[in-house]
Amino acid sequence: MAVVMGVLGAAAAFALISMRHERNLFAEGLEKVGAKAAAVAAPVVSQVAPPAPMRKCVIHGKTVISNAECGDQGKVIEIHDTKGFEAPKAPPKPAPETQPTASERAIQQATR
């Protein structure tokens, strides 16, 4: 019983330390183990069937969008991936004209 409680206490301390540093070390470790398992199982993965087309149907007076068959009244709709709205770009503002300093005027006169 003491060994089990010691392991549980160590796991809790490890979790608290990882939370303090705003990291989830358990999730990172699980991700690494999952990546290794996926690499081993990659040759075994079979082809996945393409998803069913989305349909727009009216059922009991309500419009429903689903990938299931809904009879003769259902229309197949096309889905297009978008990048969302893009804000219009403002034209660049011209740089304000500044008066040259005394040292800049002296340099300009010396280089003429």
PDB file of N, CA and C in Angstrom:
ATOM      1  N   MET A   1       0.833  -1.188   0.000  1.00  0.00           N
ATOM      2  CA  MET A   1       0.000   0.000   0.000  1.00  0.00           C
ATOM      3  C   MET A   1       0.876   1.250   0.000  1.00  0.00           C
ATOM      4  N   ALA A   2       1.982   1.187   0.729  1.00  0.00           N
ATOM      5  CA  ALA A   2       2.883   2.344   0.803  1.00  0.00           C
ATOM      6  C   ALA A   2       3.505   2.629  -0.561  1.00  0.00           C
ATOM      7  N   VAL A   3       3.815   1.588  -1.317  1.00  0.00           N
ATOM      8  CA  VAL A   3       4.410   1.778  -2.640  1.00  0.00           C
ATOM      9  C   VAL A   3       3.407   2.450  -3.577  1.00  0.00           C
ATOM     10  N   VAL A   4       2.170   2.011  -3.529  1.00  0.00           N
ATOM     11  CA  VAL A   4       1.126   2.597  -4.378  1.00  0.00           C
ATOM     12  C   VAL A   4       0.927   4.065  -4.019  1.00  0.00           C
ATOM     13  N   MET A   5       0.885   4.378  -2.738  1.00  0.00           N
ATOM     14  CA  MET A   5       0.710   5.766  -2.312  1.00  0.00           C
ATOM     15  C   MET A   5       1.926   6.607  -2.691  1.00  0.00           C
ATOM     16  N   GLY A   6       3.117   6.020  -2.635  1.00  0.00           N
ATOM     17  CA  GLY A   6       4.320   6.738  -3.041  1.00  0.00           C
ATOM     18  C   GLY A   6       4.307   7.073  -4.519  1.00  0.00           C
ATOM     19  N   VAL A   7       3.894   6.116  -5.349  1.00  0.00           N
ATOM     20  CA  VAL A   7       3.802   6.360  -6.790  1.00  0.00           C
ATOM     21  C   VAL A   7       2.733   7.404  -7.080  1.00  0.00           C
ATOM     22  N   LEU A   8       1.610   7.329  -6.415  1.00  0.00           N
ATOM     23  CA  LEU A   8       0.539   8.306  -6.593  1.00  0.00           C
ATOM     24  C   LEU A   8       0.999   9.696  -6.169  1.00  0.00           C
ATOM     25  N   GLY A   9       1.707   9.792  -5.049  1.00  0.00           N
ATOM     26  CA  GLY A   9       2.229  11.075  -4.585  1.00  0.00           C
ATOM     27  C   GLY A   9       3.248  11.646  -5.550  1.00  0.00           C
ATOM     28  N   ALA A  10       4.120  10.776  -6.110  1.00  0.00           N
ATOM     29  CA  ALA A  10       5.113  11.239  -7.080  1.00  0.00           C
ATOM     30  C   ALA A  10       4.433  11.755  -8.341  1.00  0.00           C
ATOM     31  N   ALA A  11       3.386  11.075  -8.803  1.00  0.00           N
ATOM     32  CA  ALA A  11       2.655  11.526  -9.993  1.00  0.00           C
ATOM     33  C   ALA A  11       1.975  12.867  -9.730  1.00  0.00           C
ATOM     34  N   ALA A  12       1.415  13.032  -8.534  1.00  0.00           N
ATOM     35  CA  ALA A  12       0.766  14.304  -8.192  1.00  0.00           C
ATOM     36  C   ALA A  12       1.797  15.429  -8.128  1.00  0.00           C
ATOM     37  N   ALA A  13       2.962  15.173  -7.528  1.00  0.00           N
ATOM     38  CA  ALA A  13       4.010  16.190  -7.455  1.00  0.00           C
ATOM     39  C   ALA A  13       4.494  16.549  -8.858  1.00  0.00           C
ATOM     40  N   PHE A  14       4.668  15.545  -9.712  1.00  0.00           N
ATOM     41  CA  PHE A  14       5.083  15.782 -11.092  1.00  0.00           C
ATOM     42  C   PHE A  14       4.055  16.646 -11.821  1.00  0.00           C
ATOM     43  N   ALA A  15       2.767  16.367 -11.604  1.00  0.00           N
ATOM     44  CA  ALA A  15       1.705  17.146 -12.245  1.00  0.00           C
ATOM     45  C   ALA A  15       1.717  18.586 -11.759  1.00  0.00           C
ATOM     46  N   LEU A  16       1.903  18.792 -10.452  1.00  0.00           N
ATOM     47  CA  LEU A  16       1.933  20.158  -9.915  1.00  0.00           C
ATOM     48  C   LEU A  16       3.132  20.931 -10.439  1.00  0.00           C
ATOM     49  N   ILE A  17       4.272  20.280 -10.550  1.00  0.00           N
ATOM     50  CA  ILE A  17       5.455  20.959 -11.072  1.00  0.00           C
ATOM     51  C   ILE A  17       5.243  21.337 -12.534  1.00  0.00           C
ATOM     52  N   SER A  18       4.639  20.445 -13.314  1.00  0.00           N
ATOM     53  CA  SER A  18       4.403  20.768 -14.721  1.00  0.00           C
ATOM     54  C   SER A  18       3.381  21.890 -14.863  1.00  0.00           C
ATOM     55  N   MET A  19       2.401  21.957 -13.974  1.00  0.00           N
ATOM     56  CA  MET A  19       1.418  23.045 -14.024  1.00  0.00           C
ATOM     57  C   MET A  19       2.050  24.380 -13.680  1.00  0.00           C
ATOM     58  N   ARG A  20       3.021  24.356 -12.785  1.00  0.00           N
ATOM     59  CA  ARG A  20       3.681  25.596 -12.387  1.00  0.00           C
ATOM     60  C   ARG A  20       4.408  26.213 -13.568  1.00  0.00           C
ATOM     61  N   HIS A  21       4.956  25.378 -14.434  1.00  0.00           N
ATOM     62  CA  HIS A  21       5.688  25.870 -15.596  1.00  0.00           C
ATOM     63  C   HIS A  21       4.803  25.953 -16.828  1.00  0.00           C
ATOM     64  N   GLU A  22       3.494  25.889 -16.640  1.00  0.00           N
ATOM     65  CA  GLU A  22       2.490  26.012 -17.696  1.00  0.00           C
ATOM     66  C   GLU A  22       2.735  25.019 -18.829  1.00  0.00           C
ATOM     67  N   ARG A  23       3.079  23.803 -18.469  1.00  0.00           N
ATOM     68  CA  ARG A  23       3.248  22.726 -19.424  1.00  0.00           C
ATOM     69  C   ARG A  23       2.481  21.522 -18.914  1.00  0.00           C
ATOM     70  N   ASN A  24       2.053  20.695 -19.815  1.00  0.00           N
ATOM     71  CA  ASN A  24       1.403  19.457 -19.434  1.00  0.00           C
ATOM     72  C   ASN A  24       2.323  18.319 -19.866  1.00  0.00           C
ATOM     73  N   LEU A  25       3.212  17.937 -18.972  1.00  0.00           N
ATOM     74  CA  LEU A  25       4.204  16.939 -19.305  1.00  0.00           C
ATOM     75  C   LEU A  25       3.572  15.571 -19.552  1.00  0.00           C
ATOM     76  N   PHE A  26       2.447  15.287 -18.903  1.00  0.00           N
ATOM     77  CA  PHE A  26       1.752  14.027 -19.147  1.00  0.00           C
ATOM     78  C   PHE A  26       1.253  13.963 -20.593  1.00  0.00           C
ATOM     79  N   ALA A  27       0.662  15.065 -21.086  1.00  0.00           N
ATOM     80  CA  ALA A  27       0.154  15.104 -22.461  1.00  0.00           C
ATOM     81  C   ALA A  27       1.301  15.021 -23.463  1.00  0.00           C
ATOM     82  N   GLU A  28       2.430  15.689 -23.171  1.00  0.00           N
ATOM     83  CA  GLU A  28       3.575  15.625 -24.065  1.00  0.00           C
ATOM     84  C   GLU A  28       4.115  14.197 -24.152  1.00  0.00           C
ATOM     85  N   GLY A  29       4.207  13.530 -23.013  1.00  0.00           N
ATOM     86  CA  GLY A  29       4.674  12.144 -23.010  1.00  0.00           C
ATOM     87  C   GLY A  29       3.722  11.227 -23.748  1.00  0.00           C
ATOM     88  N   LEU A  30       2.423  11.423 -23.544  1.00  0.00           N
ATOM     89  CA  LEU A  30       1.425  10.615 -24.236  1.00  0.00           C
ATOM     90  C   LEU A  30       1.480  10.850 -25.742  1.00  0.00           C
ATOM     91  N   GLU A  31       1.740  12.092 -26.141  1.00  0.00           N
ATOM     92  CA  GLU A  31       1.849  12.420 -27.557  1.00  0.00           C
ATOM     93  C   GLU A  31       3.049  11.708 -28.190  1.00  0.00           C
ATOM     94  N   LYS A  32       4.175  11.678 -27.456  1.00  0.00           N
ATOM     95  CA  LYS A  32       5.359  10.986 -27.968  1.00  0.00           C
ATOM     96  C   LYS A  32       5.102   9.493 -28.099  1.00  0.00           C
ATOM     97  N   VAL A  33       4.461   8.906 -27.100  1.00  0.00           N
ATOM     98  CA  VAL A  33       4.147   7.480 -27.165  1.00  0.00           C
ATOM     99  C   VAL A  33       3.168   7.213 -28.298  1.00  0.00           C
ATOM    100  N   GLY A  34       2.190   8.092 -28.479  1.00  0.00           N
ATOM    101  CA  GLY A  34       1.215   7.939 -29.551  1.00  0.00           C
ATOM    102  C   GLY A  34       1.856   8.061 -30.922  1.00  0.00           C
ATOM    103  N   ALA A  35       2.846   8.957 -31.054  1.00  0.00           N
ATOM    104  CA  ALA A  35       3.531   9.119 -32.339  1.00  0.00           C
ATOM    105  C   ALA A  35       4.304   7.853 -32.687  1.00  0.00           C
ATOM    106  N   LYS A  36       4.939   7.256 -31.679  1.00  0.00           N
ATOM    107  CA  LYS A  36       5.679   6.010 -31.930  1.00  0.00           C
ATOM    108  C   LYS A  36       4.710   4.888 -32.307  1.00  0.00           C
ATOM    109  N   ALA A  37       3.587   4.806 -31.627  1.00  0.00           N
ATOM    110  CA  ALA A  37       2.600   3.768 -31.925  1.00  0.00           C
ATOM    111  C   ALA A  37       2.011   3.975 -33.323  1.00  0.00           C
ATOM    112  N   ALA A  38       1.800   5.225 -33.711  1.00  0.00           N
ATOM    113  CA  ALA A  38       1.253   5.510 -35.037  1.00  0.00           C
ATOM    114  C   ALA A  38       2.258   5.136 -36.122  1.00  0.00           C
ATOM    115  N   ALA A  39       3.549   5.352 -35.850  1.00  0.00           N
ATOM    116  CA  ALA A  39       4.572   4.991 -36.829  1.00  0.00           C
ATOM    117  C   ALA A  39       4.629   3.480 -37.012  1.00  0.00           C
ATOM    118  N   VAL A  40       4.427   2.739 -35.945  1.00  0.00           N
ATOM    119  CA  VAL A  40       4.441   1.280 -36.033  1.00  0.00           C
ATOM    120  C   VAL A  40       3.184   0.784 -36.744  1.00  0.00           C
ATOM    121  N   ALA A  41       2.050   1.408 -36.475  1.00  0.00           N
ATOM    122  CA  ALA A  41       0.777   0.948 -37.035  1.00  0.00           C
ATOM    123  C   ALA A  41       0.483   1.539 -38.410  1.00  0.00           C
ATOM    124  N   ALA A  42       1.332   2.425 -38.928  1.00  0.00           N
ATOM    125  CA  ALA A  42       1.062   3.090 -40.205  1.00  0.00           C
ATOM    126  C   ALA A  42       0.876   2.116 -41.353  1.00  0.00           C
ATOM    127  N   PRO A  43       1.690   1.075 -41.483  1.00  0.00           N
ATOM    128  CA  PRO A  43       1.468   0.169 -42.616  1.00  0.00           C
ATOM    129  C   PRO A  43       0.151  -0.602 -42.527  1.00  0.00           C
ATOM    130  N   VAL A  44      -0.417  -0.708 -41.342  1.00  0.00           N
ATOM    131  CA  VAL A  44      -1.626  -1.489 -41.137  1.00  0.00           C
ATOM    132  C   VAL A  44      -2.885  -0.694 -41.477  1.00  0.00           C
ATOM    133  N   VAL A  45      -2.794   0.653 -41.475  1.00  0.00           N
ATOM    134  CA  VAL A  45      -3.961   1.503 -41.678  1.00  0.00           C
ATOM    135  C   VAL A  45      -4.528   1.274 -43.073  1.00  0.00           C
ATOM    136  N   SER A  46      -5.829   1.086 -43.156  1.00  0.00           N
ATOM    137  CA  SER A  46      -6.479   0.831 -44.438  1.00  0.00           C
ATOM    138  C   SER A  46      -7.045   2.132 -45.001  1.00  0.00           C
ATOM    139  N   GLN A  47      -7.514   2.043 -46.236  1.00  0.00           N
ATOM    140  CA  GLN A  47      -8.115   3.198 -46.889  1.00  0.00           C
ATOM    141  C   GLN A  47      -9.414   3.577 -46.193  1.00  0.00           C
ATOM    142  N   VAL A  48      -9.617   4.875 -45.995  1.00  0.00           N
ATOM    143  CA  VAL A  48     -10.843   5.378 -45.385  1.00  0.00           C
ATOM    144  C   VAL A  48     -11.780   5.800 -46.502  1.00  0.00           C
ATOM    145  N   ALA A  49     -13.034   5.422 -46.378  1.00  0.00           N
ATOM    146  CA  ALA A  49     -14.022   5.778 -47.390  1.00  0.00           C
ATOM    147  C   ALA A  49     -14.228   7.288 -47.397  1.00  0.00           C
ATOM    148  N   PRO A  50     -14.469   7.881 -48.579  1.00  0.00           N
ATOM    149  CA  PRO A  50     -14.700   9.320 -48.621  1.00  0.00           C
ATOM    150  C   PRO A  50     -15.986   9.669 -47.864  1.00  0.00           C
ATOM    151  N   PRO A  51     -16.035  10.851 -47.278  1.00  0.00           N
ATOM    152  CA  PRO A  51     -17.240  11.214 -46.521  1.00  0.00           C
ATOM    153  C   PRO A  51     -18.444  11.363 -47.445  1.00  0.00           C
ATOM    154  N   ALA A  52     -19.610  11.109 -46.888  1.00  0.00           N
ATOM    155  CA  ALA A  52     -20.847  11.238 -47.655  1.00  0.00           C
ATOM    156  C   ALA A  52     -21.101  12.719 -47.930  1.00  0.00           C
ATOM    157  N   PRO A  53     -21.701  13.042 -49.085  1.00  0.00           N
ATOM    158  CA  PRO A  53     -21.970  14.451 -49.388  1.00  0.00           C
ATOM    159  C   PRO A  53     -23.019  15.028 -48.431  1.00  0.00           C
ATOM    160  N   MET A  54     -22.892  16.305 -48.151  1.00  0.00           N
ATOM    161  CA  MET A  54     -23.851  16.981 -47.268  1.00  0.00           C
ATOM    162  C   MET A  54     -25.131  17.268 -48.060  1.00  0.00           C
ATOM    163  N   ARG A  55     -26.248  17.105 -47.373  1.00  0.00           N
ATOM    164  CA  ARG A  55     -27.550  17.318 -48.002  1.00  0.00           C
ATOM    165  C   ARG A  55     -28.374  18.299 -47.178  1.00  0.00           C
ATOM    166  N   LYS A  56     -29.184  19.075 -47.883  1.00  0.00           N
ATOM    167  CA  LYS A  56     -30.089  20.015 -47.236  1.00  0.00           C
ATOM    168  C   LYS A  56     -31.497  19.469 -47.421  1.00  0.00           C
ATOM    169  N   CYS A  57     -32.166  19.184 -46.297  1.00  0.00           N
ATOM    170  CA  CYS A  57     -33.497  18.569 -46.336  1.00  0.00           C
ATOM    171  C   CYS A  57     -34.467  19.381 -45.486  1.00  0.00           C
ATOM    172  N   VAL A  58     -35.738  19.258 -45.793  1.00  0.00           N
ATOM    173  CA  VAL A  58     -36.797  19.855 -44.976  1.00  0.00           C
ATOM    174  C   VAL A  58     -37.562  18.700 -44.339  1.00  0.00           C
ATOM    175  N   ILE A  59     -37.445  18.595 -43.006  1.00  0.00           N
ATOM    176  CA  ILE A  59     -38.098  17.519 -42.268  1.00  0.00           C
ATOM    177  C   ILE A  59     -39.063  18.146 -41.274  1.00  0.00           C
ATOM    178  N   HIS A  60     -40.337  17.845 -41.400  1.00  0.00           N
ATOM    179  CA  HIS A  60     -41.400  18.385 -40.532  1.00  0.00           C
ATOM    180  C   HIS A  60     -41.343  19.912 -40.493  1.00  0.00           C
ATOM    181  N   GLY A  61     -41.082  20.534 -41.640  1.00  0.00           N
ATOM    182  CA  GLY A  61     -41.080  21.989 -41.740  1.00  0.00           C
ATOM    183  C   GLY A  61     -39.792  22.646 -41.278  1.00  0.00           C
ATOM    184  N   LYS A  62     -38.801  21.881 -40.869  1.00  0.00           N
ATOM    185  CA  LYS A  62     -37.531  22.444 -40.414  1.00  0.00           C
ATOM    186  C   LYS A  62     -36.431  22.069 -41.400  1.00  0.00           C
ATOM    187  N   THR A  63     -35.563  23.037 -41.708  1.00  0.00           N
ATOM    188  CA  THR A  63     -34.447  22.780 -42.602  1.00  0.00           C
ATOM    189  C   THR A  63     -33.335  22.110 -41.817  1.00  0.00           C
ATOM    190  N   VAL A  64     -32.850  20.992 -42.334  1.00  0.00           N
ATOM    191  CA  VAL A  64     -31.814  20.204 -41.672  1.00  0.00           C
ATOM    192  C   VAL A  64     -30.694  19.958 -42.670  1.00  0.00           C
ATOM    193  N   ILE A  65     -29.453  20.112 -42.228  1.00  0.00           N
ATOM    194  CA  ILE A  65     -28.305  19.784 -43.056  1.00  0.00           C
ATOM    195  C   ILE A  65     -27.655  18.560 -42.449  1.00  0.00           C
ATOM    196  N   SER A  66     -27.496  17.509 -43.261  1.00  0.00           N
ATOM    197  CA  SER A  66     -26.999  16.237 -42.756  1.00  0.00           C
ATOM    198  C   SER A  66     -26.254  15.508 -43.863  1.00  0.00           C
ATOM    199  N   ASN A  67     -25.467  14.504 -43.479  1.00  0.00           N
ATOM    200  CA  ASN A  67     -24.810  13.684 -44.488  1.00  0.00           C
ATOM    201  C   ASN A  67     -25.560  12.368 -44.696  1.00  0.00           C
ATOM    202  N   ALA A  68     -26.733  12.225 -44.108  1.00  0.00           N
ATOM    203  CA  ALA A  68     -27.552  11.021 -44.261  1.00  0.00           C
ATOM    204  C   ALA A  68     -28.601  11.253 -45.342  1.00  0.00           C
ATOM    205  N   GLU A  69     -29.036  10.173 -45.958  1.00  0.00           N
ATOM    206  CA  GLU A  69     -30.099  10.254 -46.962  1.00  0.00           C
ATOM    207  C   GLU A  69     -31.382  10.764 -46.307  1.00  0.00           C
ATOM    208  N   CYS A  70     -32.095  11.624 -47.005  1.00  0.00           N
ATOM    209  CA  CYS A  70     -33.341  12.129 -46.427  1.00  0.00           C
ATOM    210  C   CYS A  70     -34.484  12.087 -47.431  1.00  0.00           C
ATOM    211  N   GLY A  71     -34.416  11.189 -48.372  1.00  0.00           N
ATOM    212  CA  GLY A  71     -35.518  11.040 -49.315  1.00  0.00           C
ATOM    213  C   GLY A  71     -35.284  11.809 -50.602  1.00  0.00           C
ATOM    214  N   ASP A  72     -36.391  11.967 -51.353  1.00  0.00           N
ATOM    215  CA  ASP A  72     -36.302  12.605 -52.667  1.00  0.00           C
ATOM    216  C   ASP A  72     -36.126  14.118 -52.577  1.00  0.00           C
ATOM    217  N   GLN A  73     -36.582  14.746 -51.480  1.00  0.00           N
ATOM    218  CA  GLN A  73     -36.558  16.202 -51.392  1.00  0.00           C
ATOM    219  C   GLN A  73     -35.183  16.763 -51.022  1.00  0.00           C
ATOM    220  N   GLY A  74     -34.223  15.923 -50.668  1.00  0.00           N
ATOM    221  CA  GLY A  74     -32.910  16.403 -50.251  1.00  0.00           C
ATOM    222  C   GLY A  74     -32.058  16.862 -51.415  1.00  0.00           C
ATOM    223  N   LYS A  75     -31.379  18.004 -51.237  1.00  0.00           N
ATOM    224  CA  LYS A  75     -30.488  18.539 -52.261  1.00  0.00           C
ATOM    225  C   LYS A  75     -29.061  18.398 -51.762  1.00  0.00           C
ATOM    226  N   VAL A  76     -28.163  17.957 -52.641  1.00  0.00           N
ATOM    227  CA  VAL A  76     -26.751  17.870 -52.283  1.00  0.00           C
ATOM    228  C   VAL A  76     -26.169  19.276 -52.340  1.00  0.00           C
ATOM    229  N   ILE A  77     -25.461  19.663 -51.272  1.00  0.00           N
ATOM    230  CA  ILE A  77     -24.837  20.983 -51.238  1.00  0.00           C
ATOM    231  C   ILE A  77     -23.321  20.824 -51.285  1.00  0.00           C
ATOM    232  N   GLU A  78     -22.658  21.793 -51.875  1.00  0.00           N
ATOM    233  CA  GLU A  78     -21.202  21.772 -51.970  1.00  0.00           C
ATOM    234  C   GLU A  78     -20.621  22.595 -50.826  1.00  0.00           C
ATOM    235  N   ILE A  79     -19.541  22.112 -50.260  1.00  0.00           N
ATOM    236  CA  ILE A  79     -18.868  22.820 -49.184  1.00  0.00           C
ATOM    237  C   ILE A  79     -17.495  23.236 -49.692  1.00  0.00           C
ATOM    238  N   HIS A  80     -17.181  24.509 -49.530  1.00  0.00           N
ATOM    239  CA  HIS A  80     -15.900  25.048 -49.979  1.00  0.00           C
ATOM    240  C   HIS A  80     -15.130  25.554 -48.766  1.00  0.00           C
ATOM    241  N   ASP A  81     -13.879  25.163 -48.679  1.00  0.00           N
ATOM    242  CA  ASP A  81     -13.029  25.680 -47.602  1.00  0.00           C
ATOM    243  C   ASP A  81     -12.658  27.121 -47.923  1.00  0.00           C
ATOM    244  N   THR A  82     -12.737  27.970 -46.912  1.00  0.00           N
ATOM    245  CA  THR A  82     -12.367  29.367 -47.092  1.00  0.00           C
ATOM    246  C   THR A  82     -11.358  29.758 -46.037  1.00  0.00           C
ATOM    247  N   LYS A  83     -10.757  30.892 -46.231  1.00  0.00           N
ATOM    248  CA  LYS A  83      -9.799  31.413 -45.260  1.00  0.00           C
ATOM    249  C   LYS A  83     -10.437  32.508 -44.412  1.00  0.00           C
ATOM    250  N   GLY A  84     -11.730  32.684 -44.540  1.00  0.00           N
ATOM    251  CA  GLY A  84     -12.413  33.695 -43.743  1.00  0.00           C
ATOM    252  C   GLY A  84     -12.354  35.053 -44.411  1.00  0.00           C
ATOM    253  N   PHE A  85     -12.720  36.053 -43.673  1.00  0.00           N
ATOM    254  CA  PHE A  85     -12.718  37.409 -44.182  1.00  0.00           C
ATOM    255  C   PHE A  85     -11.339  38.022 -44.002  1.00  0.00           C
ATOM    256  N   GLU A  86     -10.922  38.779 -44.989  1.00  0.00           N
ATOM    257  CA  GLU A  86      -9.645  39.458 -44.909  1.00  0.00           C
ATOM    258  C   GLU A  86      -9.918  40.952 -44.845  1.00  0.00           C
ATOM    259  N   ALA A  87      -9.342  41.604 -43.869  1.00  0.00           N
ATOM    260  CA  ALA A  87      -9.562  43.037 -43.690  1.00  0.00           C
ATOM    261  C   ALA A  87      -8.920  43.798 -44.843  1.00  0.00           C
ATOM    262  N   PRO A  88      -9.565  44.882 -45.286  1.00  0.00           N
ATOM    263  CA  PRO A  88      -8.958  45.671 -46.356  1.00  0.00           C
ATOM    264  C   PRO A  88      -7.660  46.303 -45.863  1.00  0.00           C
ATOM    265  N   LYS A  89      -6.708  46.376 -46.776  1.00  0.00           N
ATOM    266  CA  LYS A  89      -5.409  46.935 -46.407  1.00  0.00           C
ATOM    267  C   LYS A  89      -5.429  48.438 -46.631  1.00  0.00           C
ATOM    268  N   ALA A  90      -5.012  49.168 -45.618  1.00  0.00           N
ATOM    269  CA  ALA A  90      -4.955  50.619 -45.704  1.00  0.00           C
ATOM    270  C   ALA A  90      -3.696  51.025 -46.467  1.00  0.00           C
ATOM    271  N   PRO A  91      -3.777  52.097 -47.272  1.00  0.00           N
ATOM    272  CA  PRO A  91      -2.579  52.536 -47.988  1.00  0.00           C
ATOM    273  C   PRO A  91      -1.534  53.034 -46.977  1.00  0.00           C
ATOM    274  N   PRO A  92      -0.259  52.875 -47.305  1.00  0.00           N
ATOM    275  CA  PRO A  92       0.769  53.325 -46.364  1.00  0.00           C
ATOM    276  C   PRO A  92       0.743  54.835 -46.216  1.00  0.00           C
ATOM    277  N   LYS A  93       0.978  55.298 -45.017  1.00  0.00           N
ATOM    278  CA  LYS A  93       0.984  56.736 -44.750  1.00  0.00           C
ATOM    279  C   LYS A  93       2.346  57.304 -45.145  1.00  0.00           C
ATOM    280  N   PRO A  94       2.340  58.474 -45.771  1.00  0.00           N
ATOM    281  CA  PRO A  94       3.636  59.069 -46.132  1.00  0.00           C
ATOM    282  C   PRO A  94       4.391  59.489 -44.865  1.00  0.00           C
ATOM    283  N   ALA A  95       5.696  59.386 -44.938  1.00  0.00           N
ATOM    284  CA  ALA A  95       6.519  59.762 -43.792  1.00  0.00           C
ATOM    285  C   ALA A  95       6.466  61.281 -43.613  1.00  0.00           C
ATOM    286  N   PRO A  96       6.325  61.734 -42.390  1.00  0.00           N
ATOM    287  CA  PRO A  96       6.277  63.184 -42.170  1.00  0.00           C
ATOM    288  C   PRO A  96       7.649  63.804 -42.467  1.00  0.00           C
ATOM    289  N   GLU A  97       7.587  64.983 -43.094  1.00  0.00           N
ATOM    290  CA  GLU A  97       8.836  65.670 -43.424  1.00  0.00           C
ATOM    291  C   GLU A  97       9.373  66.329 -42.163  1.00  0.00           C
ATOM    292  N   THR A  98      10.644  66.109 -41.918  1.00  0.00           N
ATOM    293  CA  THR A  98      11.288  66.711 -40.745  1.00  0.00           C
ATOM    294  C   THR A  98      12.395  67.626 -41.208  1.00  0.00           C
ATOM    295  N   GLN A  99      12.641  68.622 -40.437  1.00  0.00           N
ATOM    296  CA  GLN A  99      13.725  69.562 -40.732  1.00  0.00           C
ATOM    297  C   GLN A  99      15.051  68.916 -40.361  1.00  0.00           C
ATOM    298  N   PRO A 100      16.075  69.041 -41.233  1.00  0.00           N
ATOM    299  CA  PRO A 100      17.362  68.461 -40.887  1.00  0.00           C
ATOM    300  C   PRO A 100      17.983  69.178 -39.685  1.00  0.00           C
ATOM    301  N   THR A 101      18.653  68.400 -38.874  1.00  0.00           N
ATOM    302  CA  THR A 101      19.312  68.991 -37.705  1.00  0.00           C
ATOM    303  C   THR A 101      20.560  69.735 -38.144  1.00  0.00           C
ATOM    304  N   ALA A 102      21.144  70.453 -37.220  1.00  0.00           N
ATOM    305  CA  ALA A 102      22.329  71.254 -37.533  1.00  0.00           C
ATOM    306  C   ALA A 102      23.478  70.369 -38.006  1.00  0.00           C
ATOM    307  N   SER A 103      23.656  69.218 -37.389  1.00  0.00           N
ATOM    308  CA  SER A 103      24.749  68.341 -37.805  1.00  0.00           C
ATOM    309  C   SER A 103      24.488  67.763 -39.196  1.00  0.00           C
ATOM    310  N   GLU A 104      23.228  67.464 -39.524  1.00  0.00           N
ATOM    311  CA  GLU A 104      22.914  66.966 -40.857  1.00  0.00           C
ATOM    312  C   GLU A 104      23.153  68.044 -41.914  1.00  0.00           C
ATOM    313  N   ARG A 105      22.816  69.309 -41.602  1.00  0.00           N
ATOM    314  CA  ARG A 105      23.087  70.411 -42.541  1.00  0.00           C
ATOM    315  C   ARG A 105      24.569  70.600 -42.755  1.00  0.00           C
ATOM    316  N   ALA A 106      25.340  70.438 -41.673  1.00  0.00           N
ATOM    317  CA  ALA A 106      26.784  70.587 -41.793  1.00  0.00           C
ATOM    318  C   ALA A 106      27.380  69.487 -42.658  1.00  0.00           C
ATOM    319  N   ILE A 107      26.852  68.261 -42.530  1.00  0.00           N
ATOM    320  CA  ILE A 107      27.322  67.148 -43.348  1.00  0.00           C
ATOM    321  C   ILE A 107      26.972  67.386 -44.806  1.00  0.00           C
ATOM    322  N   GLN A 108      25.759  67.886 -45.077  1.00  0.00           N
ATOM    323  CA  GLN A 108      25.335  68.149 -46.451  1.00  0.00           C
ATOM    324  C   GLN A 108      26.212  69.222 -47.090  1.00  0.00           C
ATOM    325  N   GLN A 109      26.529  70.273 -46.337  1.00  0.00           N
ATOM    326  CA  GLN A 109      27.384  71.344 -46.863  1.00  0.00           C
ATOM    327  C   GLN A 109      28.797  70.846 -47.123  1.00  0.00           C
ATOM    328  N   ALA A 110      29.283  69.955 -46.259  1.00  0.00           N
ATOM    329  CA  ALA A 110      30.663  69.468 -46.425  1.00  0.00           C
ATOM    330  C   ALA A 110      30.772  68.521 -47.615  1.00  0.00           C
ATOM    331  N   THR A 111      29.689  67.821 -47.952  1.00  0.00           N
ATOM    332  CA  THR A 111      29.752  66.880 -49.057  1.00  0.00           C
ATOM    333  C   THR A 111      29.458  67.519 -50.410  1.00  0.00           C
ATOM    334  N   ARG A 112      29.099  68.783 -50.462  1.00  0.00           N
ATOM    335  CA  ARG A 112      28.787  69.447 -51.736  1.00  0.00           C
ATOM    336  C   ARG A 112      30.004  69.842 -52.456  1.00  0.00           C
TER     337      ARG A 112
END
